[in-house]
């Protein structure tokens, strides 16, 4: 089965079974909605424990979650430093609008200039609020490519290739 990370459980929060999650998903509101099922992997575990989200709230840079039937710290403590994941079946395209992609579709793509020069591979996506910024690891250094129409000209997730217009000062 193919799994996709949506969050890392960094710690517990309080004594009532809340976990502190560092989100790695692009659709937090949908992914962590009350009633959603997620696969919780304990640290170094290969088999998941399926959990259903009972509550969700933001706190600083984290998302605080509780799971149905796990209302005290002793029940969630084993999940500390674990991962929350979804299956490919749970990755529905109806969340996407035109010219939007899942993070896992962009990460790993080779970035090429309009002139055909290979710039590097997307290793990370930073969310800035205004627009996403792709971290592209080249042979000598990292580049930060804003995901804006003036720069990104073509995205082919099937062939894992992205064509960009290299403006002055971009690289």
Protein backbone atom coordinates (compact mmCIF):
# COMPACT_ATOMS: atom_id res chain seq x y z
CA UNK A 1 0.00 0.00 0.00
CA UNK A 2 1.26 3.48 -0.87
CA UNK A 3 1.27 5.97 2.03
CA UNK A 4 1.51 9.77 2.01
CA UNK A 5 2.61 11.77 5.06
CA UNK A 6 0.17 14.43 6.25
CA UNK A 7 1.67 15.22 9.66
CA UNK A 8 4.26 14.37 12.27
CA UNK A 9 3.20 13.91 15.89
CA UNK A 10 5.87 15.86 17.73
CA UNK A 11 4.51 15.58 21.26
CA UNK A 12 1.48 15.24 23.47
CA UNK A 13 -0.36 18.33 24.75
CA UNK A 14 -1.93 18.29 28.19
CA UNK A 15 -3.35 15.21 29.87
CA UNK A 16 -6.61 14.76 27.93
CA UNK A 17 -5.19 12.89 24.93
CA UNK A 18 -4.31 15.80 22.67
CA UNK A 19 -1.34 15.43 20.30
CA UNK A 20 0.73 18.23 18.82
CA UNK A 21 1.08 17.76 15.06
CA UNK A 22 3.43 19.46 12.63
CA UNK A 23 1.46 19.50 9.37
CA UNK A 24 3.03 18.27 6.14
CA UNK A 25 -0.14 18.46 4.05
CA UNK A 26 -1.39 21.14 1.71
CA UNK A 27 -5.04 20.71 2.76
CA UNK A 28 -5.02 20.93 6.56
CA UNK A 29 -8.69 21.88 6.99
CA UNK A 30 -9.88 18.92 4.93
CA UNK A 31 -7.26 16.39 6.04
CA UNK A 32 -7.65 17.05 9.79
CA UNK A 33 -11.43 17.57 9.78
CA UNK A 34 -13.42 15.99 12.60
CA UNK A 35 -14.52 12.51 11.56
CA UNK A 36 -11.65 11.88 9.12
CA UNK A 37 -9.71 8.65 9.43
CA UNK A 38 -5.91 8.72 9.41
CA UNK A 39 -3.28 6.04 9.73
CA UNK A 40 -1.11 6.72 12.80
CA UNK A 41 2.32 5.12 12.64
CA UNK A 42 4.21 4.85 15.91
CA UNK A 43 7.92 5.63 15.68
CA UNK A 44 9.73 2.77 13.88
CA UNK A 45 6.41 0.90 13.34
CA UNK A 46 5.50 -0.57 9.97
CA UNK A 47 1.79 -1.18 10.67
CA UNK A 48 -0.61 1.70 11.29
CA UNK A 49 -3.23 2.21 13.92
CA UNK A 50 -6.32 3.73 12.29
CA UNK A 51 -7.59 6.75 14.20
CA UNK A 52 -10.62 8.99 13.74
CA UNK A 53 -10.22 12.69 14.46
CA UNK A 54 -12.41 13.80 17.36
CA UNK A 55 -11.26 17.44 17.57
CA UNK A 56 -8.88 19.80 15.81
CA UNK A 57 -7.56 23.25 16.67
CA UNK A 58 -4.55 25.39 15.83
CA UNK A 59 -2.06 26.38 18.51
CA UNK A 60 0.94 28.48 17.45
CA UNK A 61 2.63 26.63 14.56
CA UNK A 62 0.99 23.31 15.38
CA UNK A 63 -2.31 21.53 14.97
CA UNK A 64 -3.71 19.95 18.12
CA UNK A 65 -5.75 16.79 17.53
CA UNK A 66 -7.65 14.33 19.66
CA UNK A 67 -8.70 10.89 18.45
CA UNK A 68 -11.95 9.10 19.20
CA UNK A 69 -11.63 6.78 22.21
CA UNK A 70 -8.21 8.15 23.21
CA UNK A 71 -9.02 10.77 25.82
CA UNK A 72 -5.97 10.60 28.08
CA UNK A 73 -2.23 11.09 27.73
CA UNK A 74 -1.40 7.42 28.38
CA UNK A 75 -3.29 6.31 25.25
CA UNK A 76 -1.58 8.80 22.89
CA UNK A 77 1.93 8.81 24.40
CA UNK A 78 3.06 5.82 22.24
CA UNK A 79 2.36 7.88 19.09
CA UNK A 80 4.88 10.58 20.06
CA UNK A 81 7.41 11.11 17.22
CA UNK A 82 5.19 9.08 14.91
CA UNK A 83 3.61 9.97 11.57
CA UNK A 84 0.05 10.53 10.37
CA UNK A 85 -0.52 9.21 6.86
CA UNK A 86 -3.22 8.70 4.26
CA UNK A 87 -3.54 6.18 1.44
CA UNK A 88 -3.56 7.03 -2.25
CA UNK A 89 -7.35 6.41 -2.22
CA UNK A 90 -7.75 9.26 0.29
CA UNK A 91 -5.91 11.70 -2.02
CA UNK A 92 -8.92 12.95 -3.98
CA UNK A 93 -8.41 15.31 -6.91
CA UNK A 94 -11.63 17.18 -6.07
CA UNK A 95 -9.60 19.15 -3.49
CA UNK A 96 -7.56 20.63 -6.33
CA UNK A 97 -8.46 23.57 -8.50
CA UNK A 98 -6.99 24.26 -11.93
CA UNK A 99 -3.16 24.57 -11.85
CA UNK A 100 -2.98 23.13 -8.32
CA UNK A 101 -1.06 20.00 -7.42
CA UNK A 102 -0.42 17.84 -4.38
CA UNK A 103 2.97 18.42 -2.74
CA UNK A 104 4.02 14.84 -3.47
CA UNK A 105 3.41 15.45 -7.19
CA UNK A 106 5.79 18.45 -7.25
CA UNK A 107 8.51 17.17 -4.92
CA UNK A 108 10.97 15.13 -6.97
CA UNK A 109 10.27 16.97 -10.24
CA UNK A 110 13.24 18.13 -12.32
CA UNK A 111 13.20 21.89 -12.96
CA UNK A 112 14.38 22.99 -16.41
CA UNK A 113 14.76 26.48 -17.89
CA UNK A 114 12.94 27.41 -21.09
CA UNK A 115 16.33 27.12 -22.80
CA UNK A 116 16.61 23.47 -21.71
CA UNK A 117 19.18 23.90 -18.91
CA UNK A 118 18.61 21.61 -15.90
CA UNK A 119 18.39 23.70 -12.72
CA UNK A 120 17.78 20.95 -10.17
CA UNK A 121 15.15 18.88 -8.38
CA UNK A 122 12.34 20.14 -6.12
CA UNK A 123 13.13 18.88 -2.60
CA UNK A 124 10.73 20.91 -0.46
CA UNK A 125 7.79 23.31 -0.66
CA UNK A 126 7.63 26.35 1.61
CA UNK A 127 4.24 27.96 2.23
CA UNK A 128 4.67 31.73 2.54
CA UNK A 129 1.06 32.86 2.54
CA UNK A 130 1.28 34.80 -0.71
CA UNK A 131 2.48 31.87 -2.85
CA UNK A 132 4.36 28.63 -2.42
CA UNK A 133 8.13 28.64 -2.88
CA UNK A 134 9.86 25.54 -4.21
CA UNK A 135 13.29 24.62 -2.85
CA UNK A 136 15.24 23.33 -5.85
CA UNK A 137 18.53 21.54 -5.18
CA UNK A 138 20.98 22.09 -8.00
CA UNK A 139 24.42 20.57 -8.46
CA UNK A 140 26.13 23.44 -6.62
CA UNK A 141 23.48 25.21 -4.56
CA UNK A 142 19.80 25.49 -3.63
CA UNK A 143 17.46 27.81 -5.49
CA UNK A 144 14.17 29.22 -4.28
CA UNK A 145 11.57 29.31 -7.06
CA UNK A 146 8.27 31.09 -6.41
CA UNK A 147 5.23 29.26 -7.77
CA UNK A 148 3.86 32.18 -9.79
CA UNK A 149 2.58 32.40 -13.35
CA UNK A 150 5.44 34.67 -14.52
CA UNK A 151 8.03 32.04 -13.54
CA UNK A 152 6.45 28.57 -13.80
CA UNK A 153 5.52 27.94 -17.42
CA UNK A 154 4.72 24.22 -17.56
CA UNK A 155 4.25 21.39 -15.06
CA UNK A 156 4.19 17.77 -16.21
CA UNK A 157 3.71 15.61 -13.11
CA UNK A 158 3.59 12.42 -15.17
CA UNK A 159 7.12 12.98 -16.55
CA UNK A 160 8.21 14.79 -13.33
CA UNK A 161 9.34 17.90 -15.28
CA UNK A 162 8.75 21.58 -14.65
CA UNK A 163 9.72 24.32 -17.10
CA UNK A 164 10.42 27.77 -15.71
CA UNK A 165 11.25 31.20 -17.08
CA UNK A 166 14.50 32.33 -15.50
CA UNK A 167 14.07 36.02 -14.68
CA UNK A 168 17.11 38.14 -13.93
CA UNK A 169 18.29 37.55 -10.36
CA UNK A 170 16.21 34.38 -9.86
CA UNK A 171 19.12 31.94 -9.77
